[in-house]
Amino acid sequence: MSATSLNAVRNTAIALPPHRHPQTAVRDAVVGWLAERPELARKAAAILSNAEVRERYTVRPLDWYLTHPSVTERSRVYREEMIALCESAARQALEGAGVRPDQVGLIVSTSCTGVMIPSVESYLIGRMGFRPTTRRQPLTELGCVAGAAALSQADHFLRAYPESAVLVVAAELASLTAQITDFSLANIVAAALFGDGAAAAVVTGARFAAAPGVGGNGRRPARIQATRSILFPDTPELMGFDNTDSGLKIFLSPRVPRFLREHLPREVAPFLEEHGLRLGDLSHFLLHPGGRKVLEGLERELGLEREATRLSWRVLADYGNLSSATVLYLLHHFERDVQPRSGDWGLLAAVGPGFCAELVLLRW
């Protein structure tokens, strides 16, 4: 299959909430929260200092979270900020792609850090001029893997409707899941890693009426060659949320980095082999930065130099782990910072609760 007959990621955009915090400020806030538990406070300080996160964004100031807002209040903030951030990212992505809302056949939205019914894309349709017959597909329970899964769903839809376009919007407000009565290490690790933000991507079909070969930002667009979903059996206890009286409460096994080191690389080779490729044929790696130990383990097992995963480390440092939106942030910075050659191959990969993985094979 030629690259020009593939579905293309035409443009991406990001939207950030207004409150920007250096990791040192978050660390100090967490240590203050744990002041009556000095040994745990010392562990927390070390975890935050070694997370390879430089700064993050949240939808509210840090001291707001320490007031222990109710589930009702957090749900109100979630709905309000989801609509605003997703609309901002979606408008930028569509405008940069040269795609009108009425040309979009499907909107895929992703989020796991809150619940709103109706889902966010129903608000976007009313506010942005999409056709009322636009299909909607909210992905609400896939966690960090959902952004990659959304690209896969976009690709499947466009193979059936190649003259159409798909808008993917991913937004996570992880700060609204903060639990100030939960003193578990999982909650502290979450406080060290996760941030708030939204992203959007416009994916166009092979017969979409647009200028061929050029992305909305003037760069060569990434084209989706193939995708794969993987669910590892008997692993639901590794990561997820419990829905409690105080809201969503994270659970996160310390086994996760080792599990991924042992299992994810084994899935990459057969996926590539189906398309006549080996790992050495890939020029670009867009790996979801689930955390420092996860990235370091994948580098080691896949035999990658740090330069190959530079963007993953940059996104982790600049935004933290944005769950489902992270891979779209990777694509966004790749579009603007990297100049792939015609015919280059790349792998986008994300992992999430289940435990599961999504692989997307890209070509430029």
Protein backbone atom coordinates (compact mmCIF):
# COMPACT_ATOMS: atom_id res chain seq x y z
CA MET A 1 0.00 0.00 0.00
CA SER A 2 1.47 3.36 -1.03
CA ALA A 3 1.80 6.12 1.53
CA THR A 4 -0.59 8.37 -0.42
CA SER A 5 -3.38 5.77 -0.07
CA LEU A 6 -3.15 5.85 3.72
CA ASN A 7 -5.07 7.94 6.21
CA ALA A 8 -3.10 10.98 7.35
CA VAL A 9 -2.74 12.80 10.66
CA ARG A 10 -3.24 16.18 9.05
CA ASN A 11 -2.65 18.41 12.09
CA THR A 12 -2.54 18.45 15.89
CA ALA A 13 -3.04 21.09 18.57
CA ILE A 14 -2.75 21.33 22.35
CA ALA A 15 -4.54 23.36 25.01
CA LEU A 16 -3.29 23.93 28.54
CA PRO A 17 -5.06 25.14 31.68
CA PRO A 18 -3.87 28.43 33.20
CA HIS A 19 -2.07 27.24 36.33
CA ARG A 20 1.57 26.30 35.64
CA HIS A 21 3.66 24.80 38.42
CA PRO A 22 7.34 23.89 38.59
CA GLN A 23 7.80 20.42 40.04
CA THR A 24 9.53 21.97 43.04
CA ALA A 25 6.31 23.82 43.93
CA VAL A 26 4.27 20.62 43.64
CA ARG A 27 6.86 18.81 45.76
CA ASP A 28 6.68 21.47 48.46
CA ALA A 29 2.88 21.32 48.48
CA VAL A 30 2.90 17.52 48.83
CA VAL A 31 5.51 17.65 51.60
CA GLY A 32 3.39 20.24 53.40
CA TRP A 33 0.33 18.04 53.06
CA LEU A 34 2.30 15.18 54.65
CA ALA A 35 3.84 17.30 57.43
CA GLU A 36 2.34 15.11 60.14
CA ARG A 37 3.84 12.00 58.50
CA PRO A 38 7.52 12.99 58.24
CA GLU A 39 8.85 9.65 56.99
CA LEU A 40 6.23 9.52 54.24
CA ALA A 41 6.97 13.17 53.45
CA ARG A 42 10.65 12.30 52.90
CA LYS A 43 9.70 9.44 50.57
CA ALA A 44 7.33 11.72 48.69
CA ALA A 45 9.99 14.39 48.27
CA ALA A 46 12.37 11.82 46.79
CA ILE A 47 9.69 10.43 44.45
CA LEU A 48 8.77 13.88 43.13
CA SER A 49 12.41 14.94 42.79
CA ASN A 50 13.30 11.85 40.74
CA ALA A 51 10.23 11.71 38.48
CA GLU A 52 11.96 13.55 35.57
CA VAL A 53 9.06 16.03 35.53
CA ARG A 54 10.08 19.70 35.39
CA GLU A 55 6.67 21.38 35.40
CA ARG A 56 2.95 20.70 35.03
CA TYR A 57 -0.38 22.45 34.55
CA THR A 58 -3.60 22.21 36.54
CA VAL A 59 -7.10 23.61 36.17
CA ARG A 60 -7.06 25.13 39.66
CA PRO A 61 -4.35 26.60 41.95
CA LEU A 62 -2.53 24.09 44.14
CA ASP A 63 -4.08 25.29 47.37
CA TRP A 64 -7.58 24.65 45.98
CA TYR A 65 -6.94 20.90 46.03
CA LEU A 66 -5.98 21.02 49.70
CA THR A 67 -9.47 22.35 50.57
CA HIS A 68 -10.82 18.85 49.88
CA PRO A 69 -13.45 19.92 47.31
CA SER A 70 -16.50 17.70 47.10
CA VAL A 71 -17.15 15.23 44.31
CA THR A 72 -19.96 17.52 43.17
CA GLU A 73 -17.61 20.50 42.93
CA ARG A 74 -14.91 18.51 41.15
CA SER A 75 -17.48 17.19 38.67
CA ARG A 76 -18.63 20.75 37.94
CA VAL A 77 -15.05 21.88 37.34
CA TYR A 78 -14.37 18.82 35.19
CA ARG A 79 -17.33 19.54 32.88
CA GLU A 80 -16.54 23.25 32.62
CA GLU A 81 -12.83 22.80 31.90
CA MET A 82 -13.29 19.81 29.58
CA ILE A 83 -15.56 21.80 27.30
CA ALA A 84 -13.25 24.83 27.25
CA LEU A 85 -9.99 22.94 26.73
CA CYS A 86 -11.38 20.53 24.13
CA GLU A 87 -12.97 23.35 22.15
CA SER A 88 -9.71 25.31 22.14
CA ALA A 89 -7.65 22.33 20.97
CA ALA A 90 -10.26 21.28 18.40
CA ARG A 91 -10.53 24.75 16.83
CA GLN A 92 -6.77 25.05 16.51
CA ALA A 93 -6.39 21.56 15.04
CA LEU A 94 -9.15 22.04 12.45
CA GLU A 95 -8.01 25.51 11.42
CA GLY A 96 -4.42 24.38 11.04
CA ALA A 97 -5.51 21.36 9.00
CA GLY A 98 -7.70 23.42 6.68
CA VAL A 99 -10.67 21.20 7.56
CA ARG A 100 -14.14 22.61 8.20
CA PRO A 101 -16.27 21.15 11.01
CA ASP A 102 -18.93 20.11 8.48
CA GLN A 103 -16.34 17.91 6.73
CA VAL A 104 -15.83 15.80 9.88
CA GLY A 105 -17.68 12.48 9.86
CA LEU A 106 -16.66 11.26 13.32
CA ILE A 107 -15.50 12.81 16.58
CA VAL A 108 -13.64 10.51 18.99
CA SER A 109 -13.18 11.87 22.50
CA THR A 110 -11.08 10.37 25.27
CA SER A 111 -10.85 10.96 29.01
CA CYS A 112 -10.62 8.81 32.13
CA THR A 113 -10.24 11.39 34.91
CA GLY A 114 -13.89 12.35 35.24
CA VAL A 115 -17.39 11.65 33.97
CA MET A 116 -19.78 13.92 32.10
CA ILE A 117 -23.01 12.94 30.42
CA PRO A 118 -23.63 14.00 27.71
CA SER A 119 -20.01 13.56 26.66
CA VAL A 120 -17.86 16.47 25.57
CA GLU A 121 -18.21 16.05 21.82
CA SER A 122 -21.97 16.71 22.06
CA TYR A 123 -21.11 20.20 23.34
CA LEU A 124 -18.53 20.73 20.57
CA ILE A 125 -21.07 19.88 17.88
CA GLY A 126 -23.41 22.57 19.14
CA ARG A 127 -20.67 25.20 19.62
CA MET A 128 -18.47 24.66 16.58
CA GLY A 129 -20.72 24.03 13.58
CA PHE A 130 -20.39 20.27 13.11
CA ARG A 131 -23.25 18.56 11.29
CA PRO A 132 -25.88 17.14 13.68
CA THR A 133 -25.41 13.79 11.91
CA THR A 134 -21.71 13.65 12.87
CA ARG A 135 -20.95 10.32 14.51
CA ARG A 136 -19.62 10.39 18.08
CA GLN A 137 -17.44 7.87 19.89
CA PRO A 138 -16.45 8.69 23.49
CA LEU A 139 -13.71 6.43 24.91
CA THR A 140 -14.00 6.85 28.64
CA GLU A 141 -12.36 3.90 30.39
CA LEU A 142 -9.14 3.09 28.52
CA GLY A 143 -6.84 5.33 30.55
CA CYS A 144 -3.43 6.24 29.16
CA VAL A 145 -3.85 4.06 26.09
CA ALA A 146 -6.96 5.87 24.82
CA GLY A 147 -5.23 8.51 22.69
CA ALA A 148 -3.54 5.83 20.61
CA ALA A 149 -6.77 3.80 20.54
CA ALA A 150 -8.60 6.88 19.24
CA LEU A 151 -6.15 7.16 16.33
CA SER A 152 -6.79 3.49 15.62
CA GLN A 153 -10.56 4.05 15.62
CA ALA A 154 -10.13 7.04 13.33
CA ASP A 155 -8.12 4.88 10.93
CA HIS A 156 -10.77 2.14 10.91
CA PHE A 157 -13.55 4.65 10.22
CA LEU A 158 -11.64 6.31 7.38
CA ARG A 159 -10.90 3.01 5.69
CA ALA A 160 -14.68 2.71 5.31
CA TYR A 161 -15.23 6.42 4.53
CA PRO A 162 -12.00 7.59 2.84
CA GLU A 163 -13.51 10.88 1.68
CA SER A 164 -14.17 11.97 5.28
CA ALA A 165 -12.20 13.39 8.22
CA VAL A 166 -12.08 12.48 11.91
CA LEU A 167 -11.48 14.77 14.85
CA VAL A 168 -9.81 13.19 17.89
CA VAL A 169 -9.96 15.15 21.15
CA ALA A 170 -8.24 13.91 24.30
CA ALA A 171 -8.39 15.73 27.62
CA GLU A 172 -7.36 14.66 31.09
CA LEU A 173 -7.80 16.60 34.33
CA ALA A 174 -5.87 14.26 36.58
CA SER A 175 -5.56 16.86 39.31
CA LEU A 176 -9.29 16.50 39.99
CA THR A 177 -8.67 12.92 41.14
CA ALA A 178 -6.29 14.05 43.92
CA GLN A 179 -7.20 12.35 47.20
CA ILE A 180 -5.92 14.24 50.24
CA THR A 181 -7.10 11.50 52.63
CA ASP A 182 -5.23 8.78 50.72
CA PHE A 183 -1.66 8.35 51.99
CA SER A 184 -0.77 5.41 49.75
CA LEU A 185 2.39 5.40 47.65
CA ALA A 186 0.21 5.01 44.55
CA ASN A 187 -1.45 8.34 45.30
CA ILE A 188 1.94 9.97 45.88
CA VAL A 189 3.31 8.58 42.60
CA ALA A 190 0.23 9.98 40.85
CA ALA A 191 0.91 13.37 42.46
CA ALA A 192 4.48 13.16 41.14
CA LEU A 193 3.56 12.31 37.55
CA PHE A 194 0.18 13.37 36.25
CA GLY A 195 -0.84 16.72 34.81
CA ASP A 196 -3.83 18.39 33.15
CA GLY A 197 -4.21 19.24 29.49
CA ALA A 198 -6.03 18.61 26.22
CA ALA A 199 -5.01 17.84 22.67
CA ALA A 200 -6.69 17.30 19.33
CA ALA A 201 -5.76 15.64 16.06
CA VAL A 202 -7.37 15.82 12.64
CA VAL A 203 -7.10 12.61 10.63
CA THR A 204 -8.16 12.64 6.98
CA GLY A 205 -9.04 9.79 4.66
CA ALA A 206 -7.12 8.86 1.53
CA ARG A 207 -9.73 10.53 -0.70
CA PHE A 208 -10.32 13.61 1.45
CA ALA A 209 -10.46 16.77 -0.68
CA ALA A 210 -7.32 18.56 0.52
CA ALA A 211 -3.90 19.39 -0.87
CA PRO A 212 -2.04 16.07 -1.15
CA GLY A 213 1.13 15.38 0.77
CA VAL A 214 1.18 18.44 3.00
CA GLY A 215 -0.01 18.64 6.61
CA GLY A 216 -1.82 21.63 8.03
CA ASN A 217 1.44 22.97 9.44
CA GLY A 218 3.29 22.72 6.13
CA ARG A 219 5.04 19.48 7.13
CA ARG A 220 4.76 16.01 5.65
CA PRO A 221 1.88 14.33 7.54
CA ALA A 222 2.21 11.06 9.39
CA ARG A 223 0.18 8.35 7.68
CA ILE A 224 -1.27 5.40 9.55
CA GLN A 225 -0.01 2.15 8.05
CA ALA A 226 -1.41 -0.27 10.63
CA THR A 227 -2.61 -0.52 14.22
CA ARG A 228 -2.79 -3.22 16.88
CA SER A 229 -4.61 -3.54 20.22
CA ILE A 230 -3.18 -5.89 22.85
CA LEU A 231 -4.79 -6.94 26.12
CA PHE A 232 -2.49 -8.83 28.48
CA PRO A 233 -4.50 -11.51 30.33
CA ASP A 234 -5.02 -11.54 34.09
CA THR A 235 -3.66 -8.04 34.69
CA PRO A 236 -6.61 -5.79 35.70
CA GLU A 237 -5.18 -5.36 39.19
CA LEU A 238 -2.06 -3.58 37.94
CA MET A 239 -3.56 -0.12 37.43
CA GLY A 240 -6.85 1.74 37.42
CA PHE A 241 -9.31 3.79 39.43
CA ASP A 242 -11.66 2.76 42.21
CA ASN A 243 -14.84 4.84 42.29
CA THR A 244 -15.15 5.80 45.96
CA ASP A 245 -17.25 8.13 48.10
CA SER A 246 -14.50 10.75 47.68
CA GLY A 247 -14.20 10.32 43.92
CA LEU A 248 -11.84 8.42 41.66
CA LYS A 249 -9.00 6.84 43.64
CA ILE A 250 -5.99 5.52 41.77
CA PHE A 251 -4.48 2.10 42.31
CA LEU A 252 -1.09 1.43 40.80
CA SER A 253 1.04 -1.65 41.29
CA PRO A 254 4.81 -1.27 41.66
CA ARG A 255 5.00 -4.23 39.25
CA VAL A 256 4.00 -2.05 36.28
CA PRO A 257 7.50 -0.98 35.07
CA ARG A 258 8.87 -4.52 35.25
CA PHE A 259 5.76 -5.96 33.60
CA LEU A 260 6.06 -3.56 30.67
CA ARG A 261 9.78 -4.20 30.28
CA GLU A 262 9.09 -7.92 30.04
CA HIS A 263 5.96 -7.95 27.90
CA LEU A 264 5.59 -4.92 25.62
CA PRO A 265 8.82 -5.37 23.60
CA ARG A 266 7.74 -8.94 22.79
CA GLU A 267 4.70 -7.55 20.97
CA VAL A 268 6.59 -5.08 18.81
CA ALA A 269 8.62 -7.50 16.68
CA PRO A 270 5.72 -9.64 15.40
CA PHE A 271 3.68 -6.51 14.70
CA LEU A 272 6.48 -5.11 12.56
CA GLU A 273 7.17 -8.45 10.88
CA GLU A 274 3.61 -8.54 9.54
CA HIS A 275 4.56 -5.49 7.50
CA GLY A 276 7.98 -6.69 6.42
CA LEU A 277 9.83 -4.57 8.96
CA ARG A 278 12.29 -4.98 11.80
CA LEU A 279 13.01 -2.64 14.67
CA GLY A 280 16.08 -1.31 12.86
CA ASP A 281 13.88 -0.13 9.98
CA LEU A 282 12.17 2.42 12.22
CA SER A 283 13.46 5.98 12.29
CA HIS A 284 11.08 7.47 14.86
CA PHE A 285 9.71 6.31 18.22
CA LEU A 286 6.79 8.03 19.94
CA LEU A 287 6.52 6.14 23.21
CA HIS A 288 4.00 7.17 25.86
CA PRO A 289 6.08 8.37 28.85
CA GLY A 290 4.25 6.55 31.62
CA GLY A 291 7.10 7.43 33.96
CA ARG A 292 10.88 7.39 34.26
CA LYS A 293 11.18 3.69 35.06
CA VAL A 294 8.83 2.73 32.24
CA LEU A 295 10.75 4.76 29.65
CA GLU A 296 14.15 3.57 30.84
CA GLY A 297 12.97 -0.04 30.74
CA LEU A 298 11.60 0.25 27.22
CA GLU A 299 14.80 1.89 26.01
CA ARG A 300 16.82 -0.97 27.44
CA GLU A 301 14.62 -3.79 26.13
CA LEU A 302 14.17 -2.25 22.67
CA GLY A 303 17.83 -1.30 22.42
CA LEU A 304 17.12 2.41 21.90
CA GLU A 305 19.49 5.29 22.51
CA ARG A 306 18.22 8.26 24.49
CA GLU A 307 18.09 10.36 21.32
CA ALA A 308 15.41 8.03 19.91
CA THR A 309 13.11 8.75 22.85
CA ARG A 310 14.03 12.42 23.26
CA LEU A 311 10.50 13.67 22.64
CA SER A 312 9.02 11.29 25.19
CA TRP A 313 11.37 12.64 27.85
CA ARG A 314 10.63 16.21 26.79
CA VAL A 315 6.86 15.78 27.06
CA LEU A 316 7.24 14.10 30.45
CA ALA A 317 9.42 16.99 31.66
CA ASP A 318 7.23 19.78 30.30
CA TYR A 319 3.75 18.44 31.07
CA GLY A 320 4.00 15.27 33.16
CA ASN A 321 1.97 12.22 32.21
CA LEU A 322 -1.22 13.49 30.53
CA SER A 323 -2.75 10.02 30.30
CA SER A 324 -4.70 9.64 27.03
CA ALA A 325 -3.62 13.03 25.66
CA THR A 326 0.10 12.29 25.94
CA VAL A 327 0.61 10.60 22.57
CA LEU A 328 -1.09 13.54 20.85
CA TYR A 329 1.34 15.88 22.62
CA LEU A 330 4.14 13.70 21.26
CA LEU A 331 2.74 13.97 17.74
CA HIS A 332 2.25 17.71 18.15
CA HIS A 333 5.89 18.32 19.07
CA PHE A 334 7.12 15.82 16.49
CA GLU A 335 5.31 17.77 13.75
CA ARG A 336 7.03 20.97 14.78
CA ASP A 337 10.49 19.77 15.81
CA VAL A 338 11.35 16.85 13.51
CA GLN A 339 11.72 16.74 9.75
CA PRO A 340 11.06 13.14 8.70
CA ARG A 341 12.21 12.03 5.29
CA SER A 342 9.82 10.65 2.71
CA GLY A 343 9.38 6.94 3.41
CA ASP A 344 10.48 7.07 7.05
CA TRP A 345 8.79 4.60 9.40
CA GLY A 346 7.79 5.27 12.99
CA LEU A 347 6.11 3.55 15.91
CA LEU A 348 3.65 5.21 18.27
CA ALA A 349 2.95 3.13 21.38
CA ALA A 350 0.91 3.62 24.53
CA VAL A 351 0.01 1.44 27.49
CA GLY A 352 -2.82 1.61 29.98
CA PRO A 353 -5.04 -0.19 32.46
CA GLY A 354 -6.34 -3.55 31.52
CA PHE A 355 -3.36 -4.09 31.25
CA CYS A 356 -3.21 -3.20 27.59
CA ALA A 357 -1.19 -1.60 24.80
CA GLU A 358 -1.88 0.13 21.51
CA LEU A 359 0.63 0.15 18.66
CA VAL A 360 0.35 2.48 15.66
CA LEU A 361 2.71 2.07 12.71
CA LEU A 362 3.32 5.38 10.96
CA ARG A 363 4.88 6.31 7.65
CA TRP A 364 5.86 9.69 6.26
